[in-house]
Amino acid sequence: MYARLCVVISLGITFSQANQLSYVPAAQNLPFSKSVEGHGIIYTSGQIGMDKKTKKLGNGFENQFKNAMNSLLAVVEKSNAKGKIAKITIFVTDLKNYEALNKIYKGFFKGGNYPARSVVQVAGLPLGALVEVEAIAVKH
């Protein structure tokens, strides 16, 4: 109920409108959704740098960041909002990786049309990940 309340407040809609939200469940019966859509806005959950083949974290920051971005873009693409990402938040365990992050990040967005972005250093991330990314995208 608390998570649903947060989404409802974030979207600025009433409880009666909350039934109009569209949820994409996370894998492995985790207690969150990969993304939630309401009123043409897609909110993604954070994506860490898991390798799709091995189901383990990538080796090092750069591999984890590439994997996390690819996973994020796949979630956004499933919602038919590819290319319409308005905001990305990146959580890192060490800001020393900021230069590498920017170099890799540029490769994901062509033509200089970058989404708004925040990078935040955190004490830790799930499964010992070095980076996690989440986004807000527009469907229309």
C-alpha atoms as a PDB file:
ATOM      1  CA  MET A   1       0.000   0.000   0.000  1.00  0.00           C
ATOM      2  CA  TYR A   2       2.815   2.422   0.859  1.00  0.00           C
ATOM      3  CA  ALA A   3       4.512   1.957  -2.538  1.00  0.00           C
ATOM      4  CA  ARG A   4       1.202   2.480  -4.335  1.00  0.00           C
ATOM      5  CA  LEU A   5       0.571   5.615  -2.305  1.00  0.00           C
ATOM      6  CA  CYS A   6       3.998   6.992  -3.269  1.00  0.00           C
ATOM      7  CA  VAL A   7       3.330   6.375  -6.955  1.00  0.00           C
ATOM      8  CA  VAL A   8      -0.113   7.952  -6.718  1.00  0.00           C
ATOM      9  CA  ILE A   9       1.267  11.047  -4.997  1.00  0.00           C
ATOM     10  CA  SER A  10       4.169  11.267  -7.456  1.00  0.00           C
ATOM     11  CA  LEU A  11       1.801  11.135 -10.429  1.00  0.00           C
ATOM     12  CA  GLY A  12      -0.499  13.725  -8.863  1.00  0.00           C
ATOM     13  CA  ILE A  13      -3.624  11.612  -9.299  1.00  0.00           C
ATOM     14  CA  THR A  14      -6.380  10.492  -6.988  1.00  0.00           C
ATOM     15  CA  PHE A  15      -6.883   7.021  -5.526  1.00  0.00           C
ATOM     16  CA  SER A  16      -9.836   6.455  -7.855  1.00  0.00           C
ATOM     17  CA  GLN A  17      -7.511   7.081 -10.810  1.00  0.00           C
ATOM     18  CA  ALA A  18      -4.832   4.728  -9.435  1.00  0.00           C
ATOM     19  CA  ASN A  19      -6.556   1.808 -11.144  1.00  0.00           C
ATOM     20  CA  GLN A  20      -5.541   3.405 -14.449  1.00  0.00           C
ATOM     21  CA  LEU A  21      -1.856   2.752 -13.711  1.00  0.00           C
ATOM     22  CA  SER A  22      -0.105   0.042 -15.710  1.00  0.00           C
ATOM     23  CA  TYR A  23       2.438  -2.148 -13.896  1.00  0.00           C
ATOM     24  CA  VAL A  24       5.241  -4.299 -15.361  1.00  0.00           C
ATOM     25  CA  PRO A  25       6.190  -6.821 -12.655  1.00  0.00           C
ATOM     26  CA  ALA A  26       9.813  -7.453 -11.695  1.00  0.00           C
ATOM     27  CA  ALA A  27      11.384 -10.875 -12.139  1.00  0.00           C
ATOM     28  CA  GLN A  28      11.716 -13.453  -9.379  1.00  0.00           C
ATOM     29  CA  ASN A  29       8.623 -12.241  -7.522  1.00  0.00           C
ATOM     30  CA  LEU A  30      10.459  -9.197  -6.163  1.00  0.00           C
ATOM     31  CA  PRO A  31       8.232  -6.699  -4.325  1.00  0.00           C
ATOM     32  CA  PHE A  32       8.337  -3.921  -6.927  1.00  0.00           C
ATOM     33  CA  SER A  33       7.511  -3.258 -10.576  1.00  0.00           C
ATOM     34  CA  LYS A  34      10.080  -2.814 -13.355  1.00  0.00           C
ATOM     35  CA  SER A  35       8.045   0.177 -14.441  1.00  0.00           C
ATOM     36  CA  VAL A  36       4.773   1.926 -13.768  1.00  0.00           C
ATOM     37  CA  GLU A  37       2.895   3.985 -16.333  1.00  0.00           C
ATOM     38  CA  GLY A  38       0.265   6.592 -15.653  1.00  0.00           C
ATOM     39  CA  HIS A  39      -1.015   9.422 -17.817  1.00  0.00           C
ATOM     40  CA  GLY A  40       1.644   8.720 -20.463  1.00  0.00           C
ATOM     41  CA  ILE A  41       4.558   8.935 -18.033  1.00  0.00           C
ATOM     42  CA  ILE A  42       6.718   5.880 -17.353  1.00  0.00           C
ATOM     43  CA  TYR A  43       8.624   5.571 -14.081  1.00  0.00           C
ATOM     44  CA  THR A  44      11.241   2.815 -14.068  1.00  0.00           C
ATOM     45  CA  SER A  45      12.726   1.017 -11.114  1.00  0.00           C
ATOM     46  CA  GLY A  46      16.482   1.079 -10.745  1.00  0.00           C
ATOM     47  CA  GLN A  47      18.489  -1.239 -12.979  1.00  0.00           C
ATOM     48  CA  ILE A  48      21.824  -2.632 -11.831  1.00  0.00           C
ATOM     49  CA  GLY A  49      24.545  -3.999 -14.097  1.00  0.00           C
ATOM     50  CA  MET A  50      23.535  -7.645 -14.313  1.00  0.00           C
ATOM     51  CA  ASP A  51      24.864  -9.574 -17.291  1.00  0.00           C
ATOM     52  CA  LYS A  52      21.842 -11.040 -19.110  1.00  0.00           C
ATOM     53  CA  LYS A  53      23.646 -14.286 -19.955  1.00  0.00           C
ATOM     54  CA  THR A  54      25.368 -15.064 -16.650  1.00  0.00           C
ATOM     55  CA  LYS A  55      22.759 -13.414 -14.381  1.00  0.00           C
ATOM     56  CA  LYS A  56      25.679 -11.968 -12.385  1.00  0.00           C
ATOM     57  CA  LEU A  57      27.000  -8.450 -11.996  1.00  0.00           C
ATOM     58  CA  GLY A  58      29.342  -7.322 -14.756  1.00  0.00           C
ATOM     59  CA  ASN A  59      33.051  -7.152 -14.045  1.00  0.00           C
ATOM     60  CA  GLY A  60      33.968  -3.596 -12.974  1.00  0.00           C
ATOM     61  CA  PHE A  61      32.222  -0.250 -13.168  1.00  0.00           C
ATOM     62  CA  GLU A  62      32.251   0.185 -16.949  1.00  0.00           C
ATOM     63  CA  ASN A  63      30.695  -3.223 -17.676  1.00  0.00           C
ATOM     64  CA  GLN A  64      28.119  -2.776 -14.935  1.00  0.00           C
ATOM     65  CA  PHE A  65      27.166   0.680 -16.203  1.00  0.00           C
ATOM     66  CA  LYS A  66      26.778  -0.534 -19.809  1.00  0.00           C
ATOM     67  CA  ASN A  67      24.662  -3.475 -18.619  1.00  0.00           C
ATOM     68  CA  ALA A  68      22.516  -1.212 -16.413  1.00  0.00           C
ATOM     69  CA  MET A  69      21.925   1.277 -19.241  1.00  0.00           C
ATOM     70  CA  ASN A  70      21.040  -1.519 -21.686  1.00  0.00           C
ATOM     71  CA  SER A  71      18.582  -2.953 -19.144  1.00  0.00           C
ATOM     72  CA  LEU A  72      17.082   0.479 -18.516  1.00  0.00           C
ATOM     73  CA  LEU A  73      16.609   1.145 -22.215  1.00  0.00           C
ATOM     74  CA  ALA A  74      14.992  -2.289 -22.634  1.00  0.00           C
ATOM     75  CA  VAL A  75      12.471  -1.487 -19.894  1.00  0.00           C
ATOM     76  CA  VAL A  76      11.703   1.888 -21.484  1.00  0.00           C
ATOM     77  CA  GLU A  77      11.458   0.345 -24.960  1.00  0.00           C
ATOM     78  CA  LYS A  78       8.896  -2.207 -23.714  1.00  0.00           C
ATOM     79  CA  SER A  79       6.699   0.743 -22.778  1.00  0.00           C
ATOM     80  CA  ASN A  80       6.988   2.189 -26.317  1.00  0.00           C
ATOM     81  CA  ALA A  81       8.762   5.306 -25.041  1.00  0.00           C
ATOM     82  CA  LYS A  82      12.248   4.713 -26.525  1.00  0.00           C
ATOM     83  CA  GLY A  83      13.967   7.985 -27.307  1.00  0.00           C
ATOM     84  CA  LYS A  84      11.638   9.910 -25.026  1.00  0.00           C
ATOM     85  CA  ILE A  85      13.492   9.674 -21.736  1.00  0.00           C
ATOM     86  CA  ALA A  86      13.030  12.921 -19.845  1.00  0.00           C
ATOM     87  CA  LYS A  87      15.147  12.239 -16.719  1.00  0.00           C
ATOM     88  CA  ILE A  88      17.751   9.711 -15.631  1.00  0.00           C
ATOM     89  CA  THR A  89      19.058   9.288 -12.104  1.00  0.00           C
ATOM     90  CA  ILE A  90      22.328   7.414 -11.669  1.00  0.00           C
ATOM     91  CA  PHE A  91      23.449   6.080  -8.307  1.00  0.00           C
ATOM     92  CA  VAL A  92      27.159   5.248  -7.947  1.00  0.00           C
ATOM     93  CA  THR A  93      29.169   3.907  -5.032  1.00  0.00           C
ATOM     94  CA  ASP A  94      32.234   5.977  -6.033  1.00  0.00           C
ATOM     95  CA  LEU A  95      32.245   9.359  -7.793  1.00  0.00           C
ATOM     96  CA  LYS A  96      35.767   8.583  -9.009  1.00  0.00           C
ATOM     97  CA  ASN A  97      33.964   6.780 -11.841  1.00  0.00           C
ATOM     98  CA  TYR A  98      32.284  10.030 -12.993  1.00  0.00           C
ATOM     99  CA  GLU A  99      34.579  10.547 -16.004  1.00  0.00           C
ATOM    100  CA  ALA A 100      34.117   6.955 -17.220  1.00  0.00           C
ATOM    101  CA  LEU A 101      30.366   7.290 -16.625  1.00  0.00           C
ATOM    102  CA  ASN A 102      30.157  10.386 -18.853  1.00  0.00           C
ATOM    103  CA  LYS A 103      32.182   8.752 -21.625  1.00  0.00           C
ATOM    104  CA  ILE A 104      29.934   5.674 -21.708  1.00  0.00           C
ATOM    105  CA  TYR A 105      26.725   7.694 -21.221  1.00  0.00           C
ATOM    106  CA  LYS A 106      27.396   9.796 -24.330  1.00  0.00           C
ATOM    107  CA  GLY A 107      27.340   6.640 -26.442  1.00  0.00           C
ATOM    108  CA  PHE A 108      23.750   5.898 -25.472  1.00  0.00           C
ATOM    109  CA  PHE A 109      22.332   9.244 -26.666  1.00  0.00           C
ATOM    110  CA  LYS A 110      23.111  10.486 -30.153  1.00  0.00           C
ATOM    111  CA  GLY A 111      22.873  14.046 -31.407  1.00  0.00           C
ATOM    112  CA  GLY A 112      23.408  15.750 -28.058  1.00  0.00           C
ATOM    113  CA  ASN A 113      19.762  15.355 -26.998  1.00  0.00           C
ATOM    114  CA  TYR A 114      20.496  14.214 -23.474  1.00  0.00           C
ATOM    115  CA  PRO A 115      17.813  13.699 -20.842  1.00  0.00           C
ATOM    116  CA  ALA A 116      18.011  15.693 -17.633  1.00  0.00           C
ATOM    117  CA  ARG A 117      20.305  13.766 -15.284  1.00  0.00           C
ATOM    118  CA  SER A 118      21.429  13.473 -11.693  1.00  0.00           C
ATOM    119  CA  VAL A 119      24.373  11.447 -10.404  1.00  0.00           C
ATOM    120  CA  VAL A 120      24.353  10.606  -6.712  1.00  0.00           C
ATOM    121  CA  GLN A 121      26.996   8.803  -4.664  1.00  0.00           C
ATOM    122  CA  VAL A 122      25.520   6.253  -2.266  1.00  0.00           C
ATOM    123  CA  ALA A 123      26.962   4.060   0.482  1.00  0.00           C
ATOM    124  CA  GLY A 124      25.837   0.830  -1.172  1.00  0.00           C
ATOM    125  CA  LEU A 125      23.598  -0.758  -3.787  1.00  0.00           C
ATOM    126  CA  PRO A 126      21.744  -4.080  -4.063  1.00  0.00           C
ATOM    127  CA  LEU A 127      23.921  -7.185  -4.520  1.00  0.00           C
ATOM    128  CA  GLY A 128      27.057  -5.071  -4.164  1.00  0.00           C
ATOM    129  CA  ALA A 129      26.497  -3.310  -7.486  1.00  0.00           C
ATOM    130  CA  LEU A 130      28.682  -0.319  -8.340  1.00  0.00           C
ATOM    131  CA  VAL A 131      25.962   1.566 -10.247  1.00  0.00           C
ATOM    132  CA  GLU A 132      22.176   1.705 -10.583  1.00  0.00           C
ATOM    133  CA  VAL A 133      20.097   3.735 -13.058  1.00  0.00           C
ATOM    134  CA  GLU A 134      16.440   4.721 -13.188  1.00  0.00           C
ATOM    135  CA  ALA A 135      14.442   6.901 -15.558  1.00  0.00           C
ATOM    136  CA  ILE A 136      11.287   8.857 -16.181  1.00  0.00           C
ATOM    137  CA  ALA A 137      10.095   8.623 -19.786  1.00  0.00           C
ATOM    138  CA  VAL A 138       7.230  10.127 -21.758  1.00  0.00           C
ATOM    139  CA  LYS A 139       5.089   7.859 -23.907  1.00  0.00           C
ATOM    140  CA  HIS A 140       3.396  10.470 -26.094  1.00  0.00           C
END
